[in-house]
Amino acid sequence: MVTEVVFDIETKKIFDDIEGDNPADLGISIISLYKRTLDENLNEISGEMISFWEEDFSKMWSYFSGADRIIGFNSLHFDVPAMAPLAPYDFKKLNHFDIMTHIKDALGFRVGLNAIAKETINHQKVDHGLNAVKYWAEHTPESLLKLKTYCEADVMVTKEVYDYGLKNGHLKFMDKWNTVRQFPVNFSYPKVDTSIPVQVGLF
């Protein structure tokens, strides 16, 4: 059995609102995650979407610490450094899997989630990140519901892109010549070498 967490965050500000480029200075409005269990063939057995507002963050950290793999998109450069100062443990040391890093390793450059999702799974983000900041600023029941819906939808798009890459070993995007390009990715879990005997201590 494997436990995975796919996650995304939304922030209270944009970089134009702060000095410098530290994501931690943007403030986090909401964190959405999809926790699931996979069988030995990496098929999903169960899963649930959960969202946490700032006052609920203390209830969230065990979901991450108990995961075999934490999946995000551009998460190592944005989400993880934004969350790390808030975590009750060293959040950066967990088993993070950044889809963007694998895309850059394969192509030599970065491609956004929307561009990958459109050509790979024929599905796109439902809203724009700037609107997420606007929804938080409005802070009405209606705007906060839109914010939660947007963040959870981004998690699902990330999950679908990850699942496609995991099962098919490639992703797709449209290049600047309007040609759909397919490129290989390896999202598999490292194989455990069972031929190496486990040493048992005498004491």
N, C-alpha and C. Protein backbone atom coordinates (compact mmCIF):
# COMPACT_ATOMS: atom_id res chain seq x y z
N MET A 1 0.83 -1.20 0.00
CA MET A 1 0.00 0.00 0.00
C MET A 1 0.88 1.26 0.00
N VAL A 2 0.43 2.26 -0.72
CA VAL A 2 1.15 3.53 -0.81
C VAL A 2 0.18 4.66 -0.47
N THR A 3 0.64 5.60 0.34
CA THR A 3 -0.16 6.78 0.66
C THR A 3 0.43 7.99 -0.04
N GLU A 4 -0.41 8.69 -0.79
CA GLU A 4 0.02 9.89 -1.51
C GLU A 4 -0.84 11.07 -1.11
N VAL A 5 -0.24 12.25 -1.14
CA VAL A 5 -0.97 13.50 -0.93
C VAL A 5 -0.65 14.42 -2.10
N VAL A 6 -1.69 14.83 -2.81
CA VAL A 6 -1.56 15.84 -3.88
C VAL A 6 -2.09 17.15 -3.30
N PHE A 7 -1.33 18.24 -3.46
CA PHE A 7 -1.75 19.46 -2.77
C PHE A 7 -1.49 20.72 -3.59
N ASP A 8 -2.14 21.78 -3.16
CA ASP A 8 -1.93 23.10 -3.76
C ASP A 8 -2.27 24.15 -2.69
N ILE A 9 -1.67 25.32 -2.82
CA ILE A 9 -1.96 26.41 -1.90
C ILE A 9 -2.41 27.64 -2.69
N GLU A 10 -3.11 28.51 -2.00
CA GLU A 10 -3.40 29.84 -2.54
C GLU A 10 -2.89 30.87 -1.53
N THR A 11 -2.46 32.01 -2.03
CA THR A 11 -1.85 33.02 -1.16
C THR A 11 -2.73 34.27 -1.05
N LYS A 12 -2.45 35.04 0.00
CA LYS A 12 -3.22 36.26 0.26
C LYS A 12 -2.73 37.43 -0.60
N LYS A 13 -1.49 37.35 -1.04
CA LYS A 13 -0.89 38.43 -1.83
C LYS A 13 -0.21 37.86 -3.06
N ILE A 14 0.20 38.77 -3.96
CA ILE A 14 1.04 38.41 -5.09
C ILE A 14 2.41 39.05 -4.88
N PHE A 15 3.38 38.67 -5.69
CA PHE A 15 4.74 39.17 -5.47
C PHE A 15 4.84 40.68 -5.62
N ASP A 16 3.97 41.28 -6.42
CA ASP A 16 3.97 42.74 -6.56
C ASP A 16 3.62 43.44 -5.26
N ASP A 17 3.00 42.71 -4.34
CA ASP A 17 2.56 43.31 -3.07
C ASP A 17 3.64 43.27 -1.99
N ILE A 18 4.73 42.57 -2.24
CA ILE A 18 5.75 42.40 -1.20
C ILE A 18 7.12 42.81 -1.73
N GLU A 19 8.05 42.99 -0.82
CA GLU A 19 9.44 43.20 -1.20
C GLU A 19 10.15 41.85 -1.26
N GLY A 20 10.93 41.66 -2.30
CA GLY A 20 11.65 40.40 -2.43
C GLY A 20 10.82 39.33 -3.12
N ASP A 21 11.31 38.10 -3.08
CA ASP A 21 10.66 37.00 -3.80
C ASP A 21 10.49 35.75 -2.94
N ASN A 22 10.33 35.96 -1.65
CA ASN A 22 10.15 34.83 -0.75
C ASN A 22 8.67 34.47 -0.68
N PRO A 23 8.27 33.27 -1.15
CA PRO A 23 6.85 32.89 -1.11
C PRO A 23 6.25 32.92 0.29
N ALA A 24 7.08 32.74 1.32
CA ALA A 24 6.57 32.74 2.68
C ALA A 24 5.99 34.10 3.08
N ASP A 25 6.41 35.16 2.39
CA ASP A 25 5.92 36.51 2.71
C ASP A 25 4.57 36.82 2.07
N LEU A 26 4.06 35.92 1.26
CA LEU A 26 2.79 36.16 0.58
C LEU A 26 1.60 35.85 1.47
N GLY A 27 1.79 35.03 2.49
CA GLY A 27 0.69 34.59 3.34
C GLY A 27 -0.15 33.55 2.64
N ILE A 28 -0.59 32.55 3.36
CA ILE A 28 -1.39 31.46 2.77
C ILE A 28 -2.84 31.61 3.20
N SER A 29 -3.74 31.62 2.24
CA SER A 29 -5.16 31.73 2.54
C SER A 29 -5.79 30.36 2.74
N ILE A 30 -5.41 29.39 1.91
CA ILE A 30 -6.03 28.07 1.97
C ILE A 30 -5.05 27.04 1.42
N ILE A 31 -5.12 25.84 1.95
CA ILE A 31 -4.36 24.70 1.44
C ILE A 31 -5.34 23.56 1.21
N SER A 32 -5.36 23.04 -0.01
CA SER A 32 -6.21 21.91 -0.34
C SER A 32 -5.34 20.70 -0.63
N LEU A 33 -5.79 19.54 -0.19
CA LEU A 33 -5.02 18.33 -0.46
C LEU A 33 -5.96 17.17 -0.75
N TYR A 34 -5.46 16.28 -1.56
CA TYR A 34 -6.17 15.04 -1.87
C TYR A 34 -5.31 13.90 -1.35
N LYS A 35 -5.79 13.25 -0.29
CA LYS A 35 -5.06 12.12 0.29
C LYS A 35 -5.66 10.83 -0.24
N ARG A 36 -4.79 9.92 -0.65
CA ARG A 36 -5.31 8.66 -1.19
C ARG A 36 -4.39 7.49 -0.86
N THR A 37 -4.96 6.31 -0.98
CA THR A 37 -4.23 5.06 -0.81
C THR A 37 -4.23 4.32 -2.13
N LEU A 38 -3.04 3.82 -2.53
CA LEU A 38 -2.90 3.05 -3.76
C LEU A 38 -2.52 1.62 -3.42
N ASP A 39 -2.94 0.67 -4.27
CA ASP A 39 -2.53 -0.71 -4.06
C ASP A 39 -1.16 -0.95 -4.66
N GLU A 40 -0.71 -2.20 -4.67
CA GLU A 40 0.64 -2.51 -5.14
C GLU A 40 0.83 -2.24 -6.62
N ASN A 41 -0.28 -2.12 -7.37
CA ASN A 41 -0.22 -1.79 -8.80
C ASN A 41 -0.44 -0.30 -9.04
N LEU A 42 -0.42 0.47 -7.97
CA LEU A 42 -0.61 1.92 -8.00
C LEU A 42 -1.98 2.33 -8.53
N ASN A 43 -2.97 1.49 -8.24
CA ASN A 43 -4.36 1.84 -8.51
C ASN A 43 -4.98 2.42 -7.24
N GLU A 44 -5.76 3.47 -7.39
CA GLU A 44 -6.34 4.14 -6.23
C GLU A 44 -7.41 3.29 -5.59
N ILE A 45 -7.27 3.07 -4.29
CA ILE A 45 -8.25 2.31 -3.52
C ILE A 45 -9.24 3.26 -2.86
N SER A 46 -8.73 4.34 -2.29
CA SER A 46 -9.59 5.31 -1.62
C SER A 46 -8.92 6.68 -1.68
N GLY A 47 -9.74 7.72 -1.58
CA GLY A 47 -9.20 9.07 -1.61
C GLY A 47 -10.21 10.08 -1.11
N GLU A 48 -9.71 11.18 -0.57
CA GLU A 48 -10.60 12.24 -0.10
C GLU A 48 -9.94 13.59 -0.27
N MET A 49 -10.74 14.59 -0.62
CA MET A 49 -10.29 15.97 -0.75
C MET A 49 -10.59 16.71 0.55
N ILE A 50 -9.60 17.41 1.06
CA ILE A 50 -9.76 18.17 2.29
C ILE A 50 -9.12 19.54 2.09
N SER A 51 -9.78 20.58 2.57
CA SER A 51 -9.23 21.93 2.50
C SER A 51 -9.10 22.51 3.89
N PHE A 52 -8.04 23.30 4.09
CA PHE A 52 -7.74 23.88 5.40
C PHE A 52 -7.56 25.39 5.27
N TRP A 53 -8.36 26.12 6.05
CA TRP A 53 -8.13 27.54 6.20
C TRP A 53 -7.06 27.74 7.27
N GLU A 54 -6.57 28.95 7.39
CA GLU A 54 -5.43 29.23 8.26
C GLU A 54 -5.65 28.75 9.70
N GLU A 55 -6.84 28.91 10.21
CA GLU A 55 -7.10 28.52 11.59
C GLU A 55 -7.11 27.00 11.79
N ASP A 56 -7.13 26.27 10.69
CA ASP A 56 -7.17 24.80 10.76
C ASP A 56 -5.84 24.14 10.40
N PHE A 57 -4.81 24.94 10.13
CA PHE A 57 -3.55 24.36 9.66
C PHE A 57 -2.97 23.34 10.65
N SER A 58 -3.20 23.53 11.93
CA SER A 58 -2.62 22.61 12.92
C SER A 58 -3.15 21.19 12.75
N LYS A 59 -4.32 21.04 12.14
CA LYS A 59 -4.91 19.72 11.92
C LYS A 59 -4.39 19.05 10.64
N MET A 60 -3.62 19.78 9.88
CA MET A 60 -3.25 19.36 8.52
C MET A 60 -1.93 18.61 8.43
N TRP A 61 -0.98 18.92 9.32
CA TRP A 61 0.40 18.49 9.10
C TRP A 61 0.59 16.98 9.14
N SER A 62 -0.25 16.27 9.88
CA SER A 62 -0.11 14.81 9.95
C SER A 62 -0.41 14.14 8.61
N TYR A 63 -1.23 14.79 7.79
CA TYR A 63 -1.51 14.23 6.46
C TYR A 63 -0.23 14.19 5.62
N PHE A 64 0.58 15.21 5.75
CA PHE A 64 1.82 15.27 4.99
C PHE A 64 2.89 14.35 5.56
N SER A 65 3.04 14.37 6.88
CA SER A 65 4.11 13.57 7.50
C SER A 65 3.86 12.08 7.33
N GLY A 66 2.61 11.67 7.12
CA GLY A 66 2.30 10.25 6.95
C GLY A 66 2.29 9.78 5.52
N ALA A 67 2.64 10.64 4.57
CA ALA A 67 2.57 10.28 3.15
C ALA A 67 3.88 9.70 2.63
N ASP A 68 3.77 8.73 1.75
CA ASP A 68 4.94 8.18 1.07
C ASP A 68 5.45 9.13 -0.01
N ARG A 69 4.54 9.89 -0.59
CA ARG A 69 4.91 10.86 -1.63
C ARG A 69 3.95 12.03 -1.57
N ILE A 70 4.51 13.25 -1.61
CA ILE A 70 3.73 14.48 -1.59
C ILE A 70 3.88 15.14 -2.96
N ILE A 71 2.78 15.27 -3.69
CA ILE A 71 2.82 15.66 -5.09
C ILE A 71 2.29 17.07 -5.27
N GLY A 72 3.04 17.88 -5.99
CA GLY A 72 2.61 19.23 -6.31
C GLY A 72 3.13 19.64 -7.67
N PHE A 73 2.79 20.85 -8.09
CA PHE A 73 3.27 21.38 -9.37
C PHE A 73 3.98 22.70 -9.09
N ASN A 74 5.26 22.75 -9.35
CA ASN A 74 6.13 23.87 -8.99
C ASN A 74 6.17 24.03 -7.46
N SER A 75 5.93 22.95 -6.77
CA SER A 75 5.80 23.00 -5.32
C SER A 75 7.13 23.23 -4.60
N LEU A 76 8.23 22.72 -5.14
CA LEU A 76 9.51 22.90 -4.46
C LEU A 76 9.99 24.34 -4.50
N HIS A 77 9.52 25.11 -5.48
CA HIS A 77 9.95 26.50 -5.60
C HIS A 77 8.92 27.48 -5.05
N PHE A 78 7.70 27.02 -4.81
CA PHE A 78 6.66 27.95 -4.35
C PHE A 78 5.93 27.44 -3.11
N ASP A 79 5.19 26.36 -3.24
CA ASP A 79 4.34 25.90 -2.14
C ASP A 79 5.15 25.49 -0.91
N VAL A 80 6.19 24.70 -1.13
CA VAL A 80 6.98 24.19 0.01
C VAL A 80 7.65 25.33 0.79
N PRO A 81 8.36 26.26 0.15
CA PRO A 81 8.95 27.36 0.92
C PRO A 81 7.91 28.27 1.57
N ALA A 82 6.71 28.35 0.98
CA ALA A 82 5.65 29.15 1.60
C ALA A 82 5.13 28.49 2.87
N MET A 83 5.07 27.16 2.87
CA MET A 83 4.50 26.42 4.00
C MET A 83 5.53 26.12 5.08
N ALA A 84 6.79 25.97 4.69
CA ALA A 84 7.83 25.48 5.61
C ALA A 84 7.91 26.25 6.94
N PRO A 85 7.84 27.60 6.93
CA PRO A 85 7.95 28.31 8.21
C PRO A 85 6.79 28.03 9.17
N LEU A 86 5.68 27.52 8.65
CA LEU A 86 4.49 27.28 9.47
C LEU A 86 4.46 25.87 10.05
N ALA A 87 5.24 24.97 9.47
CA ALA A 87 5.17 23.56 9.83
C ALA A 87 5.80 23.29 11.20
N PRO A 88 5.27 22.30 11.95
CA PRO A 88 5.83 21.95 13.25
C PRO A 88 7.03 21.02 13.15
N TYR A 89 7.45 20.72 11.93
CA TYR A 89 8.64 19.89 11.68
C TYR A 89 9.29 20.42 10.42
N ASP A 90 10.40 19.81 10.00
CA ASP A 90 11.11 20.28 8.81
C ASP A 90 10.38 19.80 7.55
N PHE A 91 9.46 20.63 7.09
CA PHE A 91 8.58 20.27 5.98
C PHE A 91 9.37 19.98 4.71
N LYS A 92 10.48 20.67 4.52
CA LYS A 92 11.26 20.50 3.29
C LYS A 92 11.88 19.12 3.17
N LYS A 93 12.04 18.42 4.29
CA LYS A 93 12.71 17.13 4.27
C LYS A 93 11.78 15.96 3.95
N LEU A 94 10.49 16.22 3.80
CA LEU A 94 9.57 15.15 3.46
C LEU A 94 9.77 14.75 2.00
N ASN A 95 9.09 13.69 1.60
CA ASN A 95 9.30 13.12 0.26
C ASN A 95 8.46 13.87 -0.78
N HIS A 96 8.96 15.04 -1.16
CA HIS A 96 8.24 15.88 -2.14
C HIS A 96 8.52 15.42 -3.57
N PHE A 97 7.45 15.44 -4.37
CA PHE A 97 7.53 15.07 -5.78
C PHE A 97 6.95 16.22 -6.60
N ASP A 98 7.83 17.01 -7.20
CA ASP A 98 7.41 18.20 -7.95
C ASP A 98 7.34 17.85 -9.44
N ILE A 99 6.14 17.85 -9.99
CA ILE A 99 5.96 17.50 -11.41
C ILE A 99 6.74 18.47 -12.29
N MET A 100 6.78 19.74 -11.92
CA MET A 100 7.51 20.73 -12.70
C MET A 100 8.99 20.38 -12.81
N THR A 101 9.58 19.89 -11.74
CA THR A 101 10.99 19.49 -11.77
C THR A 101 11.22 18.39 -12.79
N HIS A 102 10.33 17.43 -12.86
CA HIS A 102 10.46 16.33 -13.83
C HIS A 102 10.28 16.83 -15.26
N ILE A 103 9.38 17.79 -15.44
CA ILE A 103 9.20 18.37 -16.78
C ILE A 103 10.45 19.11 -17.21
N LYS A 104 11.01 19.90 -16.32
CA LYS A 104 12.23 20.65 -16.65
C LYS A 104 13.40 19.71 -16.92
N ASP A 105 13.50 18.62 -16.16
CA ASP A 105 14.55 17.64 -16.40
C ASP A 105 14.41 17.00 -17.77
N ALA A 106 13.17 16.77 -18.21
CA ALA A 106 12.93 16.11 -19.49
C ALA A 106 13.11 17.05 -20.68
N LEU A 107 12.68 18.31 -20.52
CA LEU A 107 12.66 19.25 -21.64
C LEU A 107 13.80 20.27 -21.61
N GLY A 108 14.33 20.54 -20.44
CA GLY A 108 15.33 21.58 -20.30
C GLY A 108 14.74 22.95 -20.04
N PHE A 109 13.43 23.03 -19.95
CA PHE A 109 12.74 24.29 -19.65
C PHE A 109 11.42 23.98 -18.96
N ARG A 110 10.81 25.03 -18.41
CA ARG A 110 9.57 24.88 -17.65
C ARG A 110 8.35 25.05 -18.55
N VAL A 111 7.30 24.31 -18.24
CA VAL A 111 6.01 24.44 -18.91
C VAL A 111 4.94 24.46 -17.83
N GLY A 112 3.98 25.38 -17.96
CA GLY A 112 2.96 25.55 -16.93
C GLY A 112 1.95 24.42 -16.87
N LEU A 113 1.27 24.32 -15.74
CA LEU A 113 0.29 23.26 -15.54
C LEU A 113 -0.82 23.32 -16.58
N ASN A 114 -1.30 24.52 -16.88
CA ASN A 114 -2.40 24.63 -17.83
C ASN A 114 -2.01 24.09 -19.21
N ALA A 115 -0.80 24.42 -19.65
CA ALA A 115 -0.34 23.98 -20.97
C ALA A 115 -0.19 22.46 -21.01
N ILE A 116 0.30 21.87 -19.92
CA ILE A 116 0.44 20.42 -19.85
C ILE A 116 -0.94 19.76 -19.80
N ALA A 117 -1.81 20.27 -18.94
CA ALA A 117 -3.12 19.65 -18.75
C ALA A 117 -3.97 19.71 -20.01
N LYS A 118 -3.91 20.83 -20.72
CA LYS A 118 -4.74 20.99 -21.92
C LYS A 118 -4.46 19.92 -22.95
N GLU A 119 -3.19 19.64 -23.19
CA GLU A 119 -2.83 18.68 -24.24
C GLU A 119 -2.78 17.24 -23.73
N THR A 120 -2.53 17.06 -22.44
CA THR A 120 -2.35 15.71 -21.90
C THR A 120 -3.67 15.08 -21.50
N ILE A 121 -4.51 15.82 -20.78
CA ILE A 121 -5.75 15.24 -20.27
C ILE A 121 -6.99 15.97 -20.79
N ASN A 122 -6.79 16.92 -21.73
CA ASN A 122 -7.89 17.68 -22.32
C ASN A 122 -8.74 18.35 -21.24
N HIS A 123 -8.03 18.91 -20.26
CA HIS A 123 -8.71 19.53 -19.12
C HIS A 123 -7.82 20.66 -18.62
N GLN A 124 -8.42 21.76 -18.20
CA GLN A 124 -7.63 22.91 -17.78
C GLN A 124 -8.06 23.41 -16.41
N LYS A 125 -7.25 24.34 -15.89
CA LYS A 125 -7.61 25.02 -14.64
C LYS A 125 -8.92 25.77 -14.82
N VAL A 126 -9.68 25.88 -13.74
CA VAL A 126 -11.00 26.49 -13.84
C VAL A 126 -10.99 27.99 -13.60
N ASP A 127 -9.85 28.52 -13.14
CA ASP A 127 -9.79 29.94 -12.80
C ASP A 127 -8.35 30.40 -12.86
N HIS A 128 -8.09 31.63 -12.48
CA HIS A 128 -6.75 32.21 -12.54
C HIS A 128 -6.26 32.54 -11.13
N GLY A 129 -4.97 32.37 -10.91
CA GLY A 129 -4.39 32.61 -9.59
C GLY A 129 -4.62 34.01 -9.06
N LEU A 130 -4.64 35.00 -9.93
CA LEU A 130 -4.89 36.37 -9.48
C LEU A 130 -6.29 36.51 -8.87
N ASN A 131 -7.24 35.75 -9.41
CA ASN A 131 -8.59 35.79 -8.85
C ASN A 131 -8.63 35.21 -7.45
N ALA A 132 -7.74 34.23 -7.17
CA ALA A 132 -7.69 33.64 -5.84
C ALA A 132 -7.35 34.70 -4.79
N VAL A 133 -6.42 35.58 -5.12
CA VAL A 133 -6.06 36.68 -4.21
C VAL A 133 -7.24 37.64 -4.05
N LYS A 134 -7.91 37.89 -5.14
CA LYS A 134 -9.08 38.77 -5.11
C LYS A 134 -10.19 38.17 -4.25
N TYR A 135 -10.44 36.85 -4.39
CA TYR A 135 -11.48 36.20 -3.59
C TYR A 135 -11.17 36.31 -2.10
N TRP A 136 -9.89 36.16 -1.74
CA TRP A 136 -9.51 36.27 -0.33
C TRP A 136 -9.74 37.69 0.17
N ALA A 137 -9.36 38.67 -0.64
CA ALA A 137 -9.51 40.07 -0.24
C ALA A 137 -10.98 40.45 -0.03
N GLU A 138 -11.84 39.90 -0.87
CA GLU A 138 -13.27 40.18 -0.72
C GLU A 138 -13.82 39.57 0.56
N HIS A 139 -13.39 38.37 0.85
CA HIS A 139 -13.66 37.68 2.12
C HIS A 139 -15.15 37.59 2.45
N THR A 140 -15.96 37.33 1.46
CA THR A 140 -17.38 37.05 1.68
C THR A 140 -17.59 35.54 1.62
N PRO A 141 -18.70 35.04 2.13
CA PRO A 141 -18.96 33.60 2.00
C PRO A 141 -18.91 33.12 0.56
N GLU A 142 -19.42 33.95 -0.35
CA GLU A 142 -19.42 33.56 -1.76
C GLU A 142 -18.01 33.53 -2.34
N SER A 143 -17.21 34.55 -2.02
CA SER A 143 -15.85 34.61 -2.57
C SER A 143 -14.96 33.52 -1.97
N LEU A 144 -15.15 33.22 -0.68
CA LEU A 144 -14.35 32.17 -0.05
C LEU A 144 -14.71 30.80 -0.61
N LEU A 145 -15.97 30.60 -0.96
CA LEU A 145 -16.37 29.36 -1.60
C LEU A 145 -15.71 29.23 -2.98
N LYS A 146 -15.66 30.35 -3.71
CA LYS A 146 -14.97 30.35 -5.01
C LYS A 146 -13.49 30.02 -4.84
N LEU A 147 -12.88 30.56 -3.80
CA LEU A 147 -11.47 30.31 -3.53
C LEU A 147 -11.23 28.83 -3.23
N LYS A 148 -12.05 28.26 -2.39
CA LYS A 148 -11.93 26.84 -2.04
C LYS A 148 -12.15 25.97 -3.27
N THR A 149 -13.15 26.30 -4.06
CA THR A 149 -13.44 25.53 -5.27
C THR A 149 -12.28 25.58 -6.25
N TYR A 150 -11.68 26.75 -6.39
CA TYR A 150 -10.55 26.92 -7.29
C TYR A 150 -9.34 26.11 -6.83
N CYS A 151 -9.02 26.20 -5.55
CA CYS A 151 -7.85 25.48 -5.04
C CYS A 151 -8.03 23.97 -5.17
N GLU A 152 -9.22 23.48 -4.84
CA GLU A 152 -9.47 22.04 -4.96
C GLU A 152 -9.45 21.59 -6.42
N ALA A 153 -9.93 22.44 -7.32
CA ALA A 153 -9.89 22.09 -8.74
C ALA A 153 -8.45 22.00 -9.24
N ASP A 154 -7.58 22.88 -8.76
CA ASP A 154 -6.16 22.82 -9.14
C ASP A 154 -5.52 21.53 -8.64
N VAL A 155 -5.91 21.10 -7.45
CA VAL A 155 -5.40 19.83 -6.92
C VAL A 155 -5.82 18.69 -7.83
N MET A 156 -7.06 18.70 -8.28
CA MET A 156 -7.55 17.61 -9.12
C MET A 156 -6.85 17.60 -10.48
N VAL A 157 -6.61 18.78 -11.06
CA VAL A 157 -5.89 18.84 -12.33
C VAL A 157 -4.47 18.31 -12.14
N THR A 158 -3.83 18.70 -11.05
CA THR A 158 -2.48 18.21 -10.75
C THR A 158 -2.49 16.69 -10.61
N LYS A 159 -3.49 16.15 -9.90
CA LYS A 159 -3.60 14.71 -9.71
C LYS A 159 -3.79 13.99 -11.04
N GLU A 160 -4.63 14.53 -11.91
CA GLU A 160 -4.90 13.88 -13.19
C GLU A 160 -3.67 13.89 -14.09
N VAL A 161 -2.92 14.99 -14.07
CA VAL A 161 -1.68 15.05 -14.85
C VAL A 161 -0.67 14.04 -14.30
N TYR A 162 -0.55 14.00 -12.98
CA TYR A 162 0.37 13.05 -12.34
C TYR A 162 -0.02 11.61 -12.67
N ASP A 163 -1.31 11.29 -12.54
CA ASP A 163 -1.77 9.93 -12.82
C ASP A 163 -1.49 9.54 -14.27
N TYR A 164 -1.69 10.47 -15.18
CA TYR A 164 -1.42 10.18 -16.59
C TYR A 164 0.06 9.87 -16.79
N GLY A 165 0.93 10.70 -16.22
CA GLY A 165 2.36 10.46 -16.34
C GLY A 165 2.79 9.17 -15.69
N LEU A 166 2.19 8.87 -14.53
CA LEU A 166 2.52 7.65 -13.80
C LEU A 166 2.15 6.41 -14.60
N LYS A 167 0.98 6.42 -15.24
CA LYS A 167 0.48 5.25 -15.97
C LYS A 167 1.07 5.14 -17.38
N ASN A 168 1.33 6.29 -18.03
CA ASN A 168 1.69 6.27 -19.45
C ASN A 168 3.15 6.59 -19.74
N GLY A 169 3.86 7.15 -18.76
CA GLY A 169 5.28 7.42 -18.95
C GLY A 169 5.58 8.59 -19.86
N HIS A 170 4.59 9.45 -20.11
CA HIS A 170 4.84 10.65 -20.92
C HIS A 170 3.78 11.71 -20.61
N LEU A 171 4.08 12.95 -20.97
CA LEU A 171 3.14 14.06 -20.92
C LEU A 171 3.19 14.78 -22.26
N LYS A 172 2.29 15.76 -22.44
CA LYS A 172 2.22 16.48 -23.72
C LYS A 172 2.06 17.99 -23.46
N PHE A 173 2.51 18.77 -24.44
CA PHE A 173 2.26 20.21 -24.43
C PHE A 173 2.34 20.71 -25.86
N MET A 174 1.83 21.91 -26.10
CA MET A 174 1.92 22.52 -27.44
C MET A 174 3.08 23.50 -27.45
N ASP A 175 4.02 23.34 -28.38
CA ASP A 175 5.18 24.22 -28.43
C ASP A 175 4.85 25.52 -29.15
N LYS A 176 5.85 26.38 -29.30
CA LYS A 176 5.62 27.72 -29.87
C LYS A 176 5.29 27.68 -31.36
N TRP A 177 5.46 26.52 -31.99
CA TRP A 177 5.08 26.35 -33.39
C TRP A 177 3.71 25.70 -33.52
N ASN A 178 2.97 25.69 -32.40
CA ASN A 178 1.62 25.11 -32.36
C ASN A 178 1.61 23.62 -32.73
N THR A 179 2.67 22.95 -32.33
CA THR A 179 2.77 21.51 -32.52
C THR A 179 2.72 20.81 -31.17
N VAL A 180 1.84 19.83 -31.05
CA VAL A 180 1.75 19.08 -29.81
C VAL A 180 2.96 18.15 -29.69
N ARG A 181 3.68 18.32 -28.60
CA ARG A 181 4.88 17.50 -28.36
C ARG A 181 4.65 16.56 -27.19
N GLN A 182 5.07 15.33 -27.38
CA GLN A 182 5.01 14.34 -26.31
C GLN A 182 6.43 14.09 -25.81
N PHE A 183 6.59 14.03 -24.50
CA PHE A 183 7.92 13.82 -23.96
C PHE A 183 7.86 12.82 -22.80
N PRO A 184 8.90 12.04 -22.61
CA PRO A 184 8.87 10.99 -21.59
C PRO A 184 9.07 11.54 -20.18
N VAL A 185 8.40 10.92 -19.22
CA VAL A 185 8.61 11.20 -17.80
C VAL A 185 8.62 9.87 -17.06
N ASN A 186 9.31 9.84 -15.95
CA ASN A 186 9.34 8.64 -15.13
C ASN A 186 8.87 8.99 -13.72
N PHE A 187 7.61 8.70 -13.45
CA PHE A 187 7.01 8.99 -12.16
C PHE A 187 6.98 7.74 -11.26
N SER A 188 7.62 6.68 -11.68
CA SER A 188 7.54 5.42 -10.93
C SER A 188 8.26 5.54 -9.59
N TYR A 189 7.89 4.66 -8.69
CA TYR A 189 8.55 4.58 -7.40
C TYR A 189 9.84 3.79 -7.54
N PRO A 190 10.90 4.17 -6.83
CA PRO A 190 12.14 3.39 -6.88
C PRO A 190 11.89 1.96 -6.44
N LYS A 191 12.48 1.02 -7.17
CA LYS A 191 12.32 -0.38 -6.81
C LYS A 191 13.22 -0.72 -5.62
N VAL A 192 12.67 -1.47 -4.70
CA VAL A 192 13.44 -1.92 -3.54
C VAL A 192 14.18 -3.19 -3.90
N ASP A 193 15.49 -3.20 -3.68
CA ASP A 193 16.31 -4.37 -3.98
C ASP A 193 16.17 -5.38 -2.85
N THR A 194 15.37 -6.43 -3.11
CA THR A 194 15.13 -7.44 -2.08
C THR A 194 16.25 -8.46 -1.99
N SER A 195 17.23 -8.36 -2.89
CA SER A 195 18.34 -9.32 -2.87
C SER A 195 19.36 -8.98 -1.79
N ILE A 196 19.30 -7.75 -1.29
CA ILE A 196 20.23 -7.32 -0.24
C ILE A 196 19.67 -7.73 1.12
N PRO A 197 20.36 -8.60 1.85
CA PRO A 197 19.83 -9.05 3.14
C PRO A 197 19.80 -7.91 4.15
N VAL A 198 18.78 -7.94 4.98
CA VAL A 198 18.65 -6.93 6.03
C VAL A 198 19.44 -7.38 7.23
N GLN A 199 20.34 -6.54 7.71
CA GLN A 199 21.16 -6.89 8.86
C GLN A 199 20.36 -6.64 10.15
N VAL A 200 20.39 -7.62 11.00
CA VAL A 200 19.71 -7.50 12.27
C VAL A 200 20.74 -7.30 13.37
N GLY A 201 20.59 -6.24 14.14
CA GLY A 201 21.54 -5.95 15.21
C GLY A 201 21.43 -6.98 16.34
N LEU A 202 22.56 -7.23 16.98
CA LEU A 202 22.56 -8.18 18.10
C LEU A 202 22.04 -7.55 19.37
N PHE A 203 22.07 -6.21 19.44
CA PHE A 203 21.66 -5.54 20.65
C PHE A 203 20.60 -4.48 20.32
